[in-house]
Amino acid sequence: MTNVKRTCKFKFNPQVHLDDDVVEVLLALPWRPAIQIEYSIRGQWPITQGTVRCGISIQGPYEFLHDVTCKKIQDLCSRYRQVGFTFFIEAVSF
């Protein structure tokens, strides 16, 4: 698929897989050097009123994953980590 419309400010690496009656779109967002966010959208093809499943996975170092899953941003040690967390949330929830 060569004509993929990019509506996000980041560069995705789109992959489209089409089986007999299922289409799956995988988007990989390299967010930082050691952190990658992967989106997976899977649904019935051709599109009808079927179910569409969406998933997100995050790969990164332990410290980053801990900050992302921490319940309170105030628990983060430094202002630098708080800002990084805020940027991440903005990137994921575009």
N, C-alpha and C. Protein backbone atom coordinates (compact mmCIF):
# COMPACT_ATOMS: atom_id res chain seq x y z
N MET A 1 0.85 -1.17 0.00
CA MET A 1 0.00 0.00 0.00
C MET A 1 0.89 1.23 0.00
N THR A 2 0.87 1.98 -1.05
CA THR A 2 1.79 3.11 -1.16
C THR A 2 1.15 4.44 -0.82
N ASN A 3 -0.13 4.59 -1.03
CA ASN A 3 -0.79 5.86 -0.76
C ASN A 3 -1.48 5.83 0.60
N VAL A 4 -0.72 5.97 1.65
CA VAL A 4 -1.27 5.97 3.00
C VAL A 4 -1.33 7.41 3.47
N LYS A 5 -2.50 7.86 3.85
CA LYS A 5 -2.66 9.23 4.34
C LYS A 5 -2.18 9.30 5.77
N ARG A 6 -1.24 10.18 6.02
CA ARG A 6 -0.71 10.34 7.37
C ARG A 6 -1.36 11.56 7.99
N THR A 7 -2.16 11.33 9.03
CA THR A 7 -2.82 12.43 9.69
C THR A 7 -2.17 12.77 11.02
N CYS A 8 -1.12 12.08 11.34
CA CYS A 8 -0.42 12.31 12.60
C CYS A 8 0.87 13.05 12.32
N LYS A 9 1.35 13.78 13.32
CA LYS A 9 2.58 14.54 13.12
C LYS A 9 3.82 13.65 13.19
N PHE A 10 3.65 12.39 13.58
CA PHE A 10 4.76 11.46 13.65
C PHE A 10 4.75 10.56 12.43
N LYS A 11 5.88 9.95 12.13
CA LYS A 11 5.96 9.03 11.00
C LYS A 11 5.63 7.62 11.47
N PHE A 12 4.55 7.08 10.96
CA PHE A 12 4.19 5.70 11.23
C PHE A 12 4.80 4.82 10.16
N ASN A 13 4.99 3.57 10.49
CA ASN A 13 5.42 2.57 9.52
C ASN A 13 4.23 1.63 9.30
N PRO A 14 3.31 1.96 8.39
CA PRO A 14 2.08 1.17 8.26
C PRO A 14 2.31 -0.17 7.57
N GLN A 15 1.64 -1.18 8.06
CA GLN A 15 1.62 -2.49 7.43
C GLN A 15 0.17 -2.94 7.37
N VAL A 16 -0.26 -3.42 6.22
CA VAL A 16 -1.64 -3.88 6.04
C VAL A 16 -1.60 -5.33 5.63
N HIS A 17 -2.35 -6.16 6.36
CA HIS A 17 -2.46 -7.58 6.04
C HIS A 17 -3.93 -7.88 5.75
N LEU A 18 -4.19 -8.46 4.60
CA LEU A 18 -5.56 -8.78 4.20
C LEU A 18 -5.65 -10.28 3.95
N ASP A 19 -6.37 -10.97 4.82
CA ASP A 19 -6.64 -12.39 4.62
C ASP A 19 -7.99 -12.52 3.93
N ASP A 20 -8.56 -13.70 3.94
CA ASP A 20 -9.82 -13.93 3.23
C ASP A 20 -10.91 -12.95 3.65
N ASP A 21 -11.17 -12.84 4.93
CA ASP A 21 -12.26 -11.97 5.38
C ASP A 21 -11.84 -11.08 6.56
N VAL A 22 -10.55 -10.93 6.78
CA VAL A 22 -10.05 -10.13 7.90
C VAL A 22 -8.96 -9.19 7.39
N VAL A 23 -9.03 -7.94 7.80
CA VAL A 23 -7.98 -6.97 7.49
C VAL A 23 -7.35 -6.54 8.81
N GLU A 24 -6.03 -6.42 8.80
CA GLU A 24 -5.31 -5.99 9.99
C GLU A 24 -4.33 -4.88 9.58
N VAL A 25 -4.37 -3.79 10.32
CA VAL A 25 -3.47 -2.66 10.08
C VAL A 25 -2.58 -2.52 11.29
N LEU A 26 -1.27 -2.53 11.06
CA LEU A 26 -0.30 -2.37 12.14
C LEU A 26 0.46 -1.06 11.92
N LEU A 27 0.50 -0.25 12.96
CA LEU A 27 1.21 1.02 12.90
C LEU A 27 2.26 1.04 14.00
N ALA A 28 3.50 1.31 13.64
CA ALA A 28 4.59 1.36 14.61
C ALA A 28 5.08 2.81 14.70
N LEU A 29 5.08 3.34 15.90
CA LEU A 29 5.51 4.71 16.13
C LEU A 29 6.80 4.70 16.95
N PRO A 30 7.94 4.96 16.32
CA PRO A 30 9.18 5.08 17.11
C PRO A 30 9.17 6.42 17.83
N TRP A 31 8.87 6.39 19.12
CA TRP A 31 8.66 7.63 19.86
C TRP A 31 9.96 8.24 20.37
N ARG A 32 10.79 7.44 20.95
CA ARG A 32 12.11 7.85 21.42
C ARG A 32 13.09 6.75 20.99
N PRO A 33 14.40 6.96 21.14
CA PRO A 33 15.34 5.95 20.65
C PRO A 33 15.08 4.53 21.17
N ALA A 34 14.69 4.37 22.41
CA ALA A 34 14.49 3.02 22.95
C ALA A 34 13.03 2.70 23.21
N ILE A 35 12.11 3.55 22.71
CA ILE A 35 10.69 3.38 23.01
C ILE A 35 9.91 3.34 21.70
N GLN A 36 9.05 2.33 21.59
CA GLN A 36 8.22 2.18 20.40
C GLN A 36 6.79 1.88 20.82
N ILE A 37 5.85 2.53 20.15
CA ILE A 37 4.43 2.31 20.40
C ILE A 37 3.86 1.62 19.16
N GLU A 38 3.15 0.53 19.36
CA GLU A 38 2.57 -0.22 18.25
C GLU A 38 1.06 -0.27 18.40
N TYR A 39 0.36 0.11 17.32
CA TYR A 39 -1.09 0.06 17.29
C TYR A 39 -1.50 -1.06 16.35
N SER A 40 -2.55 -1.79 16.72
CA SER A 40 -3.07 -2.88 15.91
C SER A 40 -4.58 -2.70 15.79
N ILE A 41 -5.07 -2.64 14.56
CA ILE A 41 -6.50 -2.53 14.29
C ILE A 41 -6.87 -3.71 13.40
N ARG A 42 -7.87 -4.47 13.83
CA ARG A 42 -8.24 -5.69 13.12
C ARG A 42 -9.76 -5.76 13.01
N GLY A 43 -10.25 -6.08 11.81
CA GLY A 43 -11.70 -6.16 11.62
C GLY A 43 -12.08 -6.98 10.41
N GLN A 44 -13.36 -7.15 10.27
CA GLN A 44 -13.91 -7.93 9.17
C GLN A 44 -13.74 -7.17 7.87
N TRP A 45 -13.46 -7.92 6.77
CA TRP A 45 -13.33 -7.30 5.46
C TRP A 45 -14.23 -8.02 4.47
N PRO A 46 -15.01 -7.37 3.70
CA PRO A 46 -15.21 -5.92 3.61
C PRO A 46 -15.92 -5.40 4.86
N ILE A 47 -15.77 -4.12 5.08
CA ILE A 47 -16.27 -3.51 6.31
C ILE A 47 -17.79 -3.56 6.32
N THR A 48 -18.32 -4.11 7.40
CA THR A 48 -19.77 -4.13 7.65
C THR A 48 -19.96 -3.70 9.10
N GLN A 49 -21.04 -4.09 9.68
CA GLN A 49 -21.28 -3.72 11.07
C GLN A 49 -20.67 -4.76 12.02
N GLY A 50 -19.52 -5.27 11.67
CA GLY A 50 -18.84 -6.25 12.50
C GLY A 50 -18.05 -5.59 13.61
N THR A 51 -17.33 -6.40 14.32
CA THR A 51 -16.50 -5.93 15.42
C THR A 51 -15.13 -5.53 14.92
N VAL A 52 -14.64 -4.42 15.42
CA VAL A 52 -13.28 -3.97 15.15
C VAL A 52 -12.51 -4.00 16.46
N ARG A 53 -11.37 -4.63 16.44
CA ARG A 53 -10.54 -4.74 17.65
C ARG A 53 -9.32 -3.85 17.51
N CYS A 54 -9.06 -3.09 18.54
CA CYS A 54 -7.91 -2.20 18.57
C CYS A 54 -7.01 -2.59 19.73
N GLY A 55 -5.73 -2.51 19.51
CA GLY A 55 -4.78 -2.83 20.57
C GLY A 55 -3.60 -1.88 20.51
N ILE A 56 -2.96 -1.72 21.65
CA ILE A 56 -1.76 -0.89 21.72
C ILE A 56 -0.75 -1.63 22.58
N SER A 57 0.49 -1.61 22.12
CA SER A 57 1.57 -2.18 22.93
C SER A 57 2.73 -1.19 22.95
N ILE A 58 3.41 -1.18 24.06
CA ILE A 58 4.51 -0.23 24.26
C ILE A 58 5.75 -1.03 24.64
N GLN A 59 6.83 -0.77 23.92
CA GLN A 59 8.12 -1.40 24.22
C GLN A 59 9.08 -0.32 24.67
N GLY A 60 9.76 -0.57 25.77
CA GLY A 60 10.71 0.42 26.26
C GLY A 60 11.42 -0.07 27.50
N PRO A 61 12.34 0.73 28.03
CA PRO A 61 13.06 0.35 29.24
C PRO A 61 12.13 0.35 30.46
N TYR A 62 12.52 -0.36 31.47
CA TYR A 62 11.70 -0.52 32.67
C TYR A 62 11.32 0.82 33.29
N GLU A 63 12.26 1.74 33.38
CA GLU A 63 11.98 3.02 34.04
C GLU A 63 10.86 3.77 33.33
N PHE A 64 10.88 3.76 32.01
CA PHE A 64 9.83 4.44 31.25
C PHE A 64 8.49 3.75 31.44
N LEU A 65 8.48 2.42 31.32
CA LEU A 65 7.23 1.69 31.48
C LEU A 65 6.65 1.87 32.88
N HIS A 66 7.51 1.97 33.88
CA HIS A 66 7.05 2.22 35.24
C HIS A 66 6.40 3.60 35.33
N ASP A 67 7.03 4.60 34.73
CA ASP A 67 6.47 5.95 34.77
C ASP A 67 5.11 6.01 34.08
N VAL A 68 4.96 5.29 32.98
CA VAL A 68 3.71 5.31 32.23
C VAL A 68 2.59 4.63 33.01
N THR A 69 2.91 3.57 33.72
CA THR A 69 1.88 2.83 34.45
C THR A 69 1.71 3.30 35.89
N CYS A 70 2.49 4.27 36.31
CA CYS A 70 2.38 4.81 37.67
C CYS A 70 1.04 5.51 37.82
N LYS A 71 0.38 5.33 38.96
CA LYS A 71 -0.95 5.89 39.15
C LYS A 71 -0.95 7.41 39.26
N LYS A 72 0.07 7.96 39.83
CA LYS A 72 0.10 9.41 40.03
C LYS A 72 1.36 9.98 39.40
N ILE A 73 1.20 11.05 38.63
CA ILE A 73 2.37 11.69 38.03
C ILE A 73 3.24 12.32 39.12
N GLN A 74 2.66 12.63 40.27
CA GLN A 74 3.43 13.21 41.36
C GLN A 74 4.43 12.21 41.93
N ASP A 75 4.22 10.93 41.69
CA ASP A 75 5.14 9.91 42.18
C ASP A 75 6.46 9.91 41.42
N LEU A 76 6.51 10.58 40.28
CA LEU A 76 7.73 10.59 39.49
C LEU A 76 8.79 11.42 40.21
N CYS A 77 10.03 11.01 40.07
CA CYS A 77 11.11 11.61 40.84
C CYS A 77 11.47 13.03 40.42
N SER A 78 11.56 13.28 39.14
CA SER A 78 12.08 14.57 38.70
C SER A 78 11.12 15.26 37.74
N ARG A 79 11.33 16.53 37.57
CA ARG A 79 10.53 17.31 36.63
C ARG A 79 10.76 16.82 35.18
N TYR A 80 11.98 16.42 34.88
CA TYR A 80 12.32 15.89 33.56
C TYR A 80 11.45 14.67 33.23
N ARG A 81 11.31 13.76 34.19
CA ARG A 81 10.49 12.57 33.96
C ARG A 81 9.01 12.92 33.85
N GLN A 82 8.56 13.93 34.60
CA GLN A 82 7.17 14.37 34.51
C GLN A 82 6.88 14.94 33.12
N VAL A 83 7.80 15.73 32.58
CA VAL A 83 7.62 16.32 31.25
C VAL A 83 7.63 15.22 30.18
N GLY A 84 8.54 14.26 30.31
CA GLY A 84 8.58 13.14 29.37
C GLY A 84 7.28 12.35 29.38
N PHE A 85 6.74 12.14 30.56
CA PHE A 85 5.47 11.42 30.70
C PHE A 85 4.35 12.21 30.03
N THR A 86 4.31 13.51 30.24
CA THR A 86 3.28 14.35 29.65
C THR A 86 3.35 14.32 28.13
N PHE A 87 4.54 14.41 27.57
CA PHE A 87 4.71 14.33 26.12
C PHE A 87 4.24 12.98 25.59
N PHE A 88 4.53 11.92 26.33
CA PHE A 88 4.10 10.58 25.91
C PHE A 88 2.58 10.50 25.86
N ILE A 89 1.92 10.97 26.89
CA ILE A 89 0.45 10.92 26.93
C ILE A 89 -0.13 11.70 25.76
N GLU A 90 0.44 12.85 25.45
CA GLU A 90 -0.03 13.64 24.31
C GLU A 90 0.19 12.89 23.00
N ALA A 91 1.31 12.18 22.87
CA ALA A 91 1.60 11.45 21.64
C ALA A 91 0.63 10.28 21.45
N VAL A 92 0.30 9.60 22.53
CA VAL A 92 -0.56 8.43 22.44
C VAL A 92 -2.01 8.83 22.19
N SER A 93 -2.43 9.95 22.72
CA SER A 93 -3.83 10.33 22.64
C SER A 93 -4.09 11.39 21.58
N PHE A 94 -3.35 11.35 20.48
CA PHE A 94 -3.53 12.33 19.42
C PHE A 94 -4.92 12.21 18.92
